[in-house]
Protein backbone atom coordinates (compact mmCIF):
# COMPACT_ATOMS: atom_id res chain seq x y z
CA MET A 1 72.97 -13.23 -51.07
CA ALA A 2 72.03 -13.10 -47.52
CA GLU A 3 69.42 -15.39 -46.23
CA VAL A 4 66.50 -13.81 -44.49
CA HIS A 5 65.06 -15.76 -41.58
CA GLU A 6 61.66 -14.80 -40.32
CA VAL A 7 61.37 -15.01 -36.61
CA ARG A 8 57.88 -15.17 -35.38
CA THR A 9 57.33 -14.03 -31.89
CA ALA A 10 54.31 -15.50 -30.28
CA ARG A 11 52.01 -12.63 -29.59
CA ARG A 12 50.40 -13.37 -26.33
CA GLY A 13 46.70 -12.68 -26.23
CA ARG A 14 45.07 -11.03 -23.34
CA VAL A 15 44.29 -13.36 -20.47
CA TRP A 16 41.62 -11.25 -18.78
CA PRO A 17 38.69 -12.19 -21.02
CA ALA A 18 39.37 -15.88 -20.40
CA VAL A 19 39.63 -15.34 -16.62
CA VAL A 20 36.40 -13.33 -16.54
CA MET A 21 34.63 -15.96 -18.63
CA LEU A 22 35.88 -18.74 -16.31
CA LEU A 23 34.62 -16.86 -13.23
CA LEU A 24 31.22 -16.28 -14.85
CA VAL A 25 30.89 -19.96 -15.76
CA LEU A 26 31.85 -21.01 -12.20
CA LEU A 27 29.32 -18.54 -10.76
CA LEU A 28 26.61 -19.90 -13.05
CA ILE A 29 27.41 -23.48 -12.03
CA GLY A 30 27.30 -22.46 -8.36
CA ILE A 31 23.89 -20.81 -8.79
CA ILE A 32 22.48 -23.88 -10.53
CA VAL A 33 23.78 -26.16 -7.76
CA ALA A 34 22.31 -23.87 -5.08
CA MET A 35 18.94 -23.89 -6.85
CA VAL A 36 18.89 -27.67 -7.14
CA MET A 37 19.85 -28.11 -3.48
CA ASN A 38 17.29 -25.44 -2.43
CA ILE A 39 19.78 -23.57 -0.26
CA ARG A 40 18.28 -20.92 2.03
CA GLY A 41 19.91 -18.35 4.24
CA SER A 42 19.19 -15.44 6.49
CA ILE A 43 20.98 -12.40 7.81
CA SER A 44 19.65 -10.78 10.96
CA TRP A 45 20.49 -7.79 13.07
CA PRO A 46 18.77 -6.13 16.05
CA ALA A 47 16.47 -4.00 13.88
CA GLY A 48 15.28 -6.83 11.64
CA GLY A 49 16.62 -9.27 9.12
CA VAL A 50 16.55 -10.67 5.62
CA GLU A 51 15.76 -14.21 4.53
CA PHE A 52 16.74 -15.33 1.07
CA GLY A 53 16.41 -18.41 -1.06
CA PHE A 54 15.55 -19.43 -4.60
CA ARG A 55 12.05 -20.78 -4.03
CA PRO A 56 9.37 -19.09 -1.95
CA ASN A 57 8.83 -20.56 1.48
CA LEU A 58 5.28 -21.92 1.16
CA TYR A 59 3.51 -23.22 4.21
CA VAL A 60 0.36 -25.07 3.25
CA ALA A 61 -2.19 -24.85 6.02
CA ARG A 62 -4.57 -27.74 6.38
CA ILE A 63 -8.10 -26.44 6.55
CA GLU A 64 -10.63 -28.68 8.24
CA PRO A 65 -14.27 -28.41 7.20
CA VAL A 66 -16.69 -26.91 9.68
CA SER A 67 -19.54 -29.31 10.37
CA ALA A 68 -21.89 -26.96 12.19
CA LEU A 69 -21.64 -23.41 13.34
CA GLU A 70 -22.82 -22.74 16.85
CA ARG A 71 -24.23 -19.43 17.89
CA PRO A 72 -22.29 -17.89 20.75
CA THR A 73 -24.17 -17.62 24.02
CA THR A 74 -23.65 -13.86 24.27
CA LEU A 75 -23.07 -11.31 21.60
CA ALA A 76 -21.50 -7.91 21.79
CA THR A 77 -24.85 -6.42 20.85
CA ASP A 78 -26.73 -8.18 23.66
CA VAL A 79 -27.72 -5.79 26.41
CA ALA A 80 -28.12 -6.90 30.00
CA PRO A 81 -31.37 -5.84 31.69
CA ALA A 82 -31.04 -2.61 33.57
CA THR A 83 -30.94 -3.09 37.32
CA ALA A 84 -30.76 -0.47 40.01
CA PRO A 85 -27.47 -0.26 41.87
CA PRO A 86 -27.61 -1.56 45.43
CA VAL A 87 -28.50 1.07 47.98
CA PRO A 88 -26.04 1.17 50.86
CA SER A 89 -27.56 1.04 54.28
CA GLU A 90 -27.32 4.25 56.23
CA SER A 91 -26.37 2.52 59.45
CA SER A 92 -22.82 1.69 58.40
CA PRO A 93 -20.72 3.48 55.82
CA PRO A 94 -18.71 1.36 53.41
CA VAL A 95 -15.35 0.37 54.78
CA ASN A 96 -12.35 0.78 52.52
CA SER A 97 -9.75 -1.68 53.70
CA ASP A 98 -6.99 0.16 51.82
CA VAL A 99 -7.29 3.23 54.03
CA PRO A 100 -5.74 3.02 57.52
CA ALA A 101 -8.20 2.99 60.43
CA GLU A 102 -7.05 6.32 61.90
CA ILE A 103 -7.80 8.13 58.63
CA ARG A 104 -11.17 6.47 57.93
CA PRO A 105 -14.21 8.64 58.58
CA GLN A 106 -16.02 7.63 61.73
CA PRO A 107 -19.81 7.41 61.75
CA VAL A 108 -21.60 10.25 63.49
CA GLU A 109 -23.58 9.15 66.55
């Protein structure tokens, strides 16, 4: 009788699921490290920009208490008393220094 020898060939499994899982785990570790280190970044261009980070950028403003409020000396609703405009004297017309002398109107004598 002839002996029968079984030869098992190692069936290689697919490698891609392990590679994808490794990349996802490395990405997750990188995100956790970036969150712990509070890494921030920004990208800008002439029309604007984007700032990104894991935690919001909170600026806490210190508010000082107001001890006393003072009334302003003038309000927008205050009206100045009406006064008549100054009457120019008839002896000399107003002189406009921006106009050259040869173009200025001369008083009539």
